[in-house]
Amino acid sequence: MDVAAIATAMAAAKAGQTQSMLAAKMMKMNLDAQAAIVQVLDAAQANIDTLANVAPGVGQNLDISV
């Protein structure tokens, strides 16, 4: 085998390894983001549940101007 061919093959292997590492990192980040979204949705549902038994009209005339 030619030395240049071996060097090219090694460079391609290194590039493939880097791409695989980046893909794995991106997949982990995606899973972390999905878990965070689930937590936000769970918290929102808990807040809605606590407001479900509030009397009608509460907060209707709330003035939030500064």
PDB file of N, CA and C in Angstrom:
ATOM      1  N   MET A   1       0.834  -1.185   0.000  1.00  0.00           N
ATOM      2  CA  MET A   1       0.000   0.000   0.000  1.00  0.00           C
ATOM      3  C   MET A   1       0.875   1.244   0.000  1.00  0.00           C
ATOM      4  N   ASP A   2       0.365   2.221  -0.623  1.00  0.00           N
ATOM      5  CA  ASP A   2       1.060   3.500  -0.719  1.00  0.00           C
ATOM      6  C   ASP A   2       0.929   4.255   0.611  1.00  0.00           C
ATOM      7  N   VAL A   3       1.957   4.975   0.983  1.00  0.00           N
ATOM      8  CA  VAL A   3       1.949   5.746   2.232  1.00  0.00           C
ATOM      9  C   VAL A   3       0.850   6.798   2.203  1.00  0.00           C
ATOM     10  N   ALA A   4       0.633   7.422   1.061  1.00  0.00           N
ATOM     11  CA  ALA A   4      -0.409   8.449   0.943  1.00  0.00           C
ATOM     12  C   ALA A   4      -1.797   7.835   1.138  1.00  0.00           C
ATOM     13  N   ALA A   5      -1.998   6.626   0.628  1.00  0.00           N
ATOM     14  CA  ALA A   5      -3.288   5.953   0.782  1.00  0.00           C
ATOM     15  C   ALA A   5      -3.556   5.619   2.250  1.00  0.00           C
ATOM     16  N   ILE A   6      -2.513   5.192   2.939  1.00  0.00           N
ATOM     17  CA  ILE A   6      -2.650   4.876   4.366  1.00  0.00           C
ATOM     18  C   ILE A   6      -2.966   6.149   5.150  1.00  0.00           C
ATOM     19  N   ALA A   7      -2.295   7.227   4.843  1.00  0.00           N
ATOM     20  CA  ALA A   7      -2.543   8.503   5.528  1.00  0.00           C
ATOM     21  C   ALA A   7      -3.956   9.002   5.258  1.00  0.00           C
ATOM     22  N   THR A   8      -4.408   8.847   4.018  1.00  0.00           N
ATOM     23  CA  THR A   8      -5.765   9.267   3.667  1.00  0.00           C
ATOM     24  C   THR A   8      -6.798   8.430   4.411  1.00  0.00           C
ATOM     25  N   ALA A   9      -6.562   7.135   4.492  1.00  0.00           N
ATOM     26  CA  ALA A   9      -7.480   6.245   5.200  1.00  0.00           C
ATOM     27  C   ALA A   9      -7.533   6.591   6.684  1.00  0.00           C
ATOM     28  N   MET A  10      -6.398   6.902   7.269  1.00  0.00           N
ATOM     29  CA  MET A  10      -6.361   7.265   8.690  1.00  0.00           C
ATOM     30  C   MET A  10      -7.071   8.597   8.930  1.00  0.00           C
ATOM     31  N   ALA A  11      -6.896   9.546   8.040  1.00  0.00           N
ATOM     32  CA  ALA A  11      -7.575  10.839   8.175  1.00  0.00           C
ATOM     33  C   ALA A  11      -9.082  10.660   8.052  1.00  0.00           C
ATOM     34  N   ALA A  12      -9.514   9.808   7.128  1.00  0.00           N
ATOM     35  CA  ALA A  12     -10.947   9.549   6.956  1.00  0.00           C
ATOM     36  C   ALA A  12     -11.512   8.849   8.186  1.00  0.00           C
ATOM     37  N   ALA A  13     -10.762   7.926   8.757  1.00  0.00           N
ATOM     38  CA  ALA A  13     -11.214   7.231   9.962  1.00  0.00           C
ATOM     39  C   ALA A  13     -11.355   8.205  11.126  1.00  0.00           C
ATOM     40  N   LYS A  14     -10.391   9.112  11.254  1.00  0.00           N
ATOM     41  CA  LYS A  14     -10.443  10.112  12.326  1.00  0.00           C
ATOM     42  C   LYS A  14     -11.648  11.032  12.136  1.00  0.00           C
ATOM     43  N   ALA A  15     -11.925  11.433  10.894  1.00  0.00           N
ATOM     44  CA  ALA A  15     -13.084  12.284  10.616  1.00  0.00           C
ATOM     45  C   ALA A  15     -14.374  11.545  10.949  1.00  0.00           C
ATOM     46  N   GLY A  16     -14.442  10.269  10.616  1.00  0.00           N
ATOM     47  CA  GLY A  16     -15.623   9.459  10.942  1.00  0.00           C
ATOM     48  C   GLY A  16     -15.824   9.328  12.435  1.00  0.00           C
ATOM     49  N   GLN A  17     -14.728   9.166  13.158  1.00  0.00           N
ATOM     50  CA  GLN A  17     -14.800   9.061  14.620  1.00  0.00           C
ATOM     51  C   GLN A  17     -15.317  10.371  15.212  1.00  0.00           C
ATOM     52  N   THR A  18     -14.835  11.492  14.707  1.00  0.00           N
ATOM     53  CA  THR A  18     -15.287  12.796  15.183  1.00  0.00           C
ATOM     54  C   THR A  18     -16.767  12.986  14.896  1.00  0.00           C
ATOM     55  N   GLN A  19     -17.210  12.590  13.709  1.00  0.00           N
ATOM     56  CA  GLN A  19     -18.624  12.715  13.371  1.00  0.00           C
ATOM     57  C   GLN A  19     -19.485  11.854  14.288  1.00  0.00           C
ATOM     58  N   SER A  20     -19.020  10.668  14.602  1.00  0.00           N
ATOM     59  CA  SER A  20     -19.765   9.781  15.494  1.00  0.00           C
ATOM     60  C   SER A  20     -19.863  10.382  16.896  1.00  0.00           C
ATOM     61  N   MET A  21     -18.772  10.958  17.373  1.00  0.00           N
ATOM     62  CA  MET A  21     -18.786  11.581  18.698  1.00  0.00           C
ATOM     63  C   MET A  21     -19.749  12.758  18.730  1.00  0.00           C
ATOM     64  N   LEU A  22     -19.728  13.575  17.671  1.00  0.00           N
ATOM     65  CA  LEU A  22     -20.640  14.718  17.622  1.00  0.00           C
ATOM     66  C   LEU A  22     -22.090  14.270  17.541  1.00  0.00           C
ATOM     67  N   ALA A  23     -22.365  13.223  16.783  1.00  0.00           N
ATOM     68  CA  ALA A  23     -23.732  12.705  16.680  1.00  0.00           C
ATOM     69  C   ALA A  23     -24.221  12.194  18.031  1.00  0.00           C
ATOM     70  N   ALA A  24     -23.371  11.492  18.752  1.00  0.00           N
ATOM     71  CA  ALA A  24     -23.747  10.995  20.074  1.00  0.00           C
ATOM     72  C   ALA A  24     -24.011  12.150  21.036  1.00  0.00           C
ATOM     73  N   LYS A  25     -23.193  13.179  20.980  1.00  0.00           N
ATOM     74  CA  LYS A  25     -23.369  14.353  21.841  1.00  0.00           C
ATOM     75  C   LYS A  25     -24.693  15.053  21.529  1.00  0.00           C
ATOM     76  N   MET A  26     -25.007  15.186  20.228  1.00  0.00           N
ATOM     77  CA  MET A  26     -26.247  15.837  19.834  1.00  0.00           C
ATOM     78  C   MET A  26     -27.465  15.021  20.274  1.00  0.00           C
ATOM     79  N   MET A  27     -27.372  13.706  20.198  1.00  0.00           N
ATOM     80  CA  MET A  27     -28.480  12.857  20.642  1.00  0.00           C
ATOM     81  C   MET A  27     -28.702  12.999  22.144  1.00  0.00           C
ATOM     82  N   LYS A  28     -27.606  13.073  22.910  1.00  0.00           N
ATOM     83  CA  LYS A  28     -27.737  13.249  24.361  1.00  0.00           C
ATOM     84  C   LYS A  28     -28.354  14.603  24.681  1.00  0.00           C
ATOM     85  N   MET A  29     -27.944  15.645  23.951  1.00  0.00           N
ATOM     86  CA  MET A  29     -28.513  16.968  24.175  1.00  0.00           C
ATOM     87  C   MET A  29     -30.001  16.974  23.842  1.00  0.00           C
ATOM     88  N   ASN A  30     -30.393  16.260  22.802  1.00  0.00           N
ATOM     89  CA  ASN A  30     -31.785  16.173  22.413  1.00  0.00           C
ATOM     90  C   ASN A  30     -32.597  15.475  23.500  1.00  0.00           C
ATOM     91  N   LEU A  31     -32.068  14.396  24.058  1.00  0.00           N
ATOM     92  CA  LEU A  31     -32.761  13.695  25.137  1.00  0.00           C
ATOM     93  C   LEU A  31     -32.891  14.572  26.377  1.00  0.00           C
ATOM     94  N   ASP A  32     -31.847  15.336  26.690  1.00  0.00           N
ATOM     95  CA  ASP A  32     -31.898  16.240  27.835  1.00  0.00           C
ATOM     96  C   ASP A  32     -32.954  17.322  27.624  1.00  0.00           C
ATOM     97  N   ALA A  33     -33.044  17.842  26.404  1.00  0.00           N
ATOM     98  CA  ALA A  33     -34.036  18.870  26.097  1.00  0.00           C
ATOM     99  C   ALA A  33     -35.448  18.297  26.200  1.00  0.00           C
ATOM    100  N   GLN A  34     -35.637  17.082  25.738  1.00  0.00           N
ATOM    101  CA  GLN A  34     -36.955  16.461  25.839  1.00  0.00           C
ATOM    102  C   GLN A  34     -37.344  16.249  27.301  1.00  0.00           C
ATOM    103  N   ALA A  35     -36.390  15.853  28.128  1.00  0.00           N
ATOM    104  CA  ALA A  35     -36.676  15.665  29.545  1.00  0.00           C
ATOM    105  C   ALA A  35     -37.048  16.990  30.206  1.00  0.00           C
ATOM    106  N   ALA A  36     -36.379  18.061  29.813  1.00  0.00           N
ATOM    107  CA  ALA A  36     -36.691  19.375  30.372  1.00  0.00           C
ATOM    108  C   ALA A  36     -38.091  19.814  29.959  1.00  0.00           C
ATOM    109  N   ILE A  37     -38.477  19.532  28.732  1.00  0.00           N
ATOM    110  CA  ILE A  37     -39.822  19.892  28.271  1.00  0.00           C
ATOM    111  C   ILE A  37     -40.872  19.121  29.057  1.00  0.00           C
ATOM    112  N   VAL A  38     -40.621  17.860  29.322  1.00  0.00           N
ATOM    113  CA  VAL A  38     -41.558  17.060  30.118  1.00  0.00           C
ATOM    114  C   VAL A  38     -41.705  17.657  31.512  1.00  0.00           C
ATOM    115  N   GLN A  39     -40.608  18.089  32.114  1.00  0.00           N
ATOM    116  CA  GLN A  39     -40.679  18.699  33.441  1.00  0.00           C
ATOM    117  C   GLN A  39     -41.495  19.986  33.419  1.00  0.00           C
ATOM    118  N   VAL A  40     -41.313  20.798  32.385  1.00  0.00           N
ATOM    119  CA  VAL A  40     -42.077  22.047  32.274  1.00  0.00           C
ATOM    120  C   VAL A  40     -43.562  21.749  32.109  1.00  0.00           C
ATOM    121  N   LEU A  41     -43.889  20.768  31.280  1.00  0.00           N
ATOM    122  CA  LEU A  41     -45.293  20.411  31.084  1.00  0.00           C
ATOM    123  C   LEU A  41     -45.915  19.866  32.360  1.00  0.00           C
ATOM    124  N   ASP A  42     -45.169  19.062  33.105  1.00  0.00           N
ATOM    125  CA  ASP A  42     -45.676  18.551  34.379  1.00  0.00           C
ATOM    126  C   ASP A  42     -45.930  19.679  35.374  1.00  0.00           C
ATOM    127  N   ALA A  43     -45.016  20.647  35.434  1.00  0.00           N
ATOM    128  CA  ALA A  43     -45.189  21.787  36.335  1.00  0.00           C
ATOM    129  C   ALA A  43     -46.387  22.625  35.915  1.00  0.00           C
ATOM    130  N   ALA A  44     -46.562  22.818  34.618  1.00  0.00           N
ATOM    131  CA  ALA A  44     -47.706  23.590  34.129  1.00  0.00           C
ATOM    132  C   ALA A  44     -49.012  22.886  34.472  1.00  0.00           C
ATOM    133  N   GLN A  45     -49.046  21.575  34.328  1.00  0.00           N
ATOM    134  CA  GLN A  45     -50.254  20.820  34.663  1.00  0.00           C
ATOM    135  C   GLN A  45     -50.544  20.923  36.158  1.00  0.00           C
ATOM    136  N   ALA A  46     -49.512  20.881  36.983  1.00  0.00           N
ATOM    137  CA  ALA A  46     -49.713  21.013  38.429  1.00  0.00           C
ATOM    138  C   ALA A  46     -50.274  22.396  38.769  1.00  0.00           C
ATOM    139  N   ASN A  47     -49.793  23.435  38.084  1.00  0.00           N
ATOM    140  CA  ASN A  47     -50.312  24.784  38.329  1.00  0.00           C
ATOM    141  C   ASN A  47     -51.759  24.910  37.884  1.00  0.00           C
ATOM    142  N   ILE A  48     -52.101  24.315  36.758  1.00  0.00           N
ATOM    143  CA  ILE A  48     -53.479  24.362  36.278  1.00  0.00           C
ATOM    144  C   ILE A  48     -54.394  23.630  37.252  1.00  0.00           C
ATOM    145  N   ASP A  49     -53.935  22.502  37.771  1.00  0.00           N
ATOM    146  CA  ASP A  49     -54.740  21.732  38.716  1.00  0.00           C
ATOM    147  C   ASP A  49     -55.023  22.528  39.985  1.00  0.00           C
ATOM    148  N   THR A  50     -54.059  23.322  40.450  1.00  0.00           N
ATOM    149  CA  THR A  50     -54.292  24.104  41.663  1.00  0.00           C
ATOM    150  C   THR A  50     -55.240  25.269  41.409  1.00  0.00           C
ATOM    151  N   LEU A  51     -55.310  25.756  40.185  1.00  0.00           N
ATOM    152  CA  LEU A  51     -56.206  26.857  39.860  1.00  0.00           C
ATOM    153  C   LEU A  51     -57.593  26.375  39.433  1.00  0.00           C
ATOM    154  N   ALA A  52     -57.767  25.085  39.278  1.00  0.00           N
ATOM    155  CA  ALA A  52     -59.036  24.551  38.795  1.00  0.00           C
ATOM    156  C   ALA A  52     -60.167  24.767  39.788  1.00  0.00           C
ATOM    157  N   ASN A  53     -59.860  24.846  41.074  1.00  0.00           N
ATOM    158  CA  ASN A  53     -60.912  24.983  42.075  1.00  0.00           C
ATOM    159  C   ASN A  53     -61.032  26.410  42.610  1.00  0.00           C
ATOM    160  N   VAL A  54     -60.544  27.398  41.868  1.00  0.00           N
ATOM    161  CA  VAL A  54     -60.686  28.800  42.257  1.00  0.00           C
ATOM    162  C   VAL A  54     -62.073  29.269  41.845  1.00  0.00           C
ATOM    163  N   ALA A  55     -62.660  30.130  42.656  1.00  0.00           N
ATOM    164  CA  ALA A  55     -64.009  30.627  42.373  1.00  0.00           C
ATOM    165  C   ALA A  55     -64.051  31.358  41.030  1.00  0.00           C
ATOM    166  N   PRO A  56     -65.182  31.306  40.351  1.00  0.00           N
ATOM    167  CA  PRO A  56     -65.311  32.013  39.065  1.00  0.00           C
ATOM    168  C   PRO A  56     -65.126  33.515  39.240  1.00  0.00           C
ATOM    169  N   GLY A  57     -64.413  34.148  38.320  1.00  0.00           N
ATOM    170  CA  GLY A  57     -64.232  35.582  38.345  1.00  0.00           C
ATOM    171  C   GLY A  57     -62.987  36.051  39.091  1.00  0.00           C
ATOM    172  N   VAL A  58     -62.296  35.155  39.766  1.00  0.00           N
ATOM    173  CA  VAL A  58     -61.097  35.536  40.508  1.00  0.00           C
ATOM    174  C   VAL A  58     -60.010  35.929  39.513  1.00  0.00           C
ATOM    175  N   GLY A  59     -59.450  37.109  39.688  1.00  0.00           N
ATOM    176  CA  GLY A  59     -58.389  37.583  38.834  1.00  0.00           C
ATOM    177  C   GLY A  59     -58.865  38.270  37.574  1.00  0.00           C
ATOM    178  N   GLN A  60     -60.172  38.412  37.434  1.00  0.00           N
ATOM    179  CA  GLN A  60     -60.711  39.008  36.217  1.00  0.00           C
ATOM    180  C   GLN A  60     -60.383  40.495  36.121  1.00  0.00           C
ATOM    181  N   ASN A  61     -60.428  41.200  37.227  1.00  0.00           N
ATOM    182  CA  ASN A  61     -60.219  42.651  37.242  1.00  0.00           C
ATOM    183  C   ASN A  61     -58.847  42.995  37.791  1.00  0.00           C
ATOM    184  N   LEU A  62     -57.860  42.206  37.538  1.00  0.00           N
ATOM    185  CA  LEU A  62     -56.518  42.411  38.054  1.00  0.00           C
ATOM    186  C   LEU A  62     -55.823  43.500  37.237  1.00  0.00           C
ATOM    187  N   ASP A  63     -55.342  44.544  37.926  1.00  0.00           N
ATOM    188  CA  ASP A  63     -54.640  45.647  37.268  1.00  0.00           C
ATOM    189  C   ASP A  63     -53.153  45.437  37.438  1.00  0.00           C
ATOM    190  N   ILE A  64     -52.462  45.150  36.351  1.00  0.00           N
ATOM    191  CA  ILE A  64     -51.017  44.896  36.441  1.00  0.00           C
ATOM    192  C   ILE A  64     -50.195  46.044  35.880  1.00  0.00           C
ATOM    193  N   SER A  65     -50.833  47.200  35.643  1.00  0.00           N
ATOM    194  CA  SER A  65     -50.087  48.335  35.117  1.00  0.00           C
ATOM    195  C   SER A  65     -49.192  48.915  36.191  1.00  0.00           C
ATOM    196  N   VAL A  66     -48.091  49.501  35.771  1.00  0.00           N
ATOM    197  CA  VAL A  66     -47.116  50.039  36.732  1.00  0.00           C
ATOM    198  C   VAL A  66     -47.137  51.544  36.680  1.00  0.00           C
TER     199      VAL A  66
END
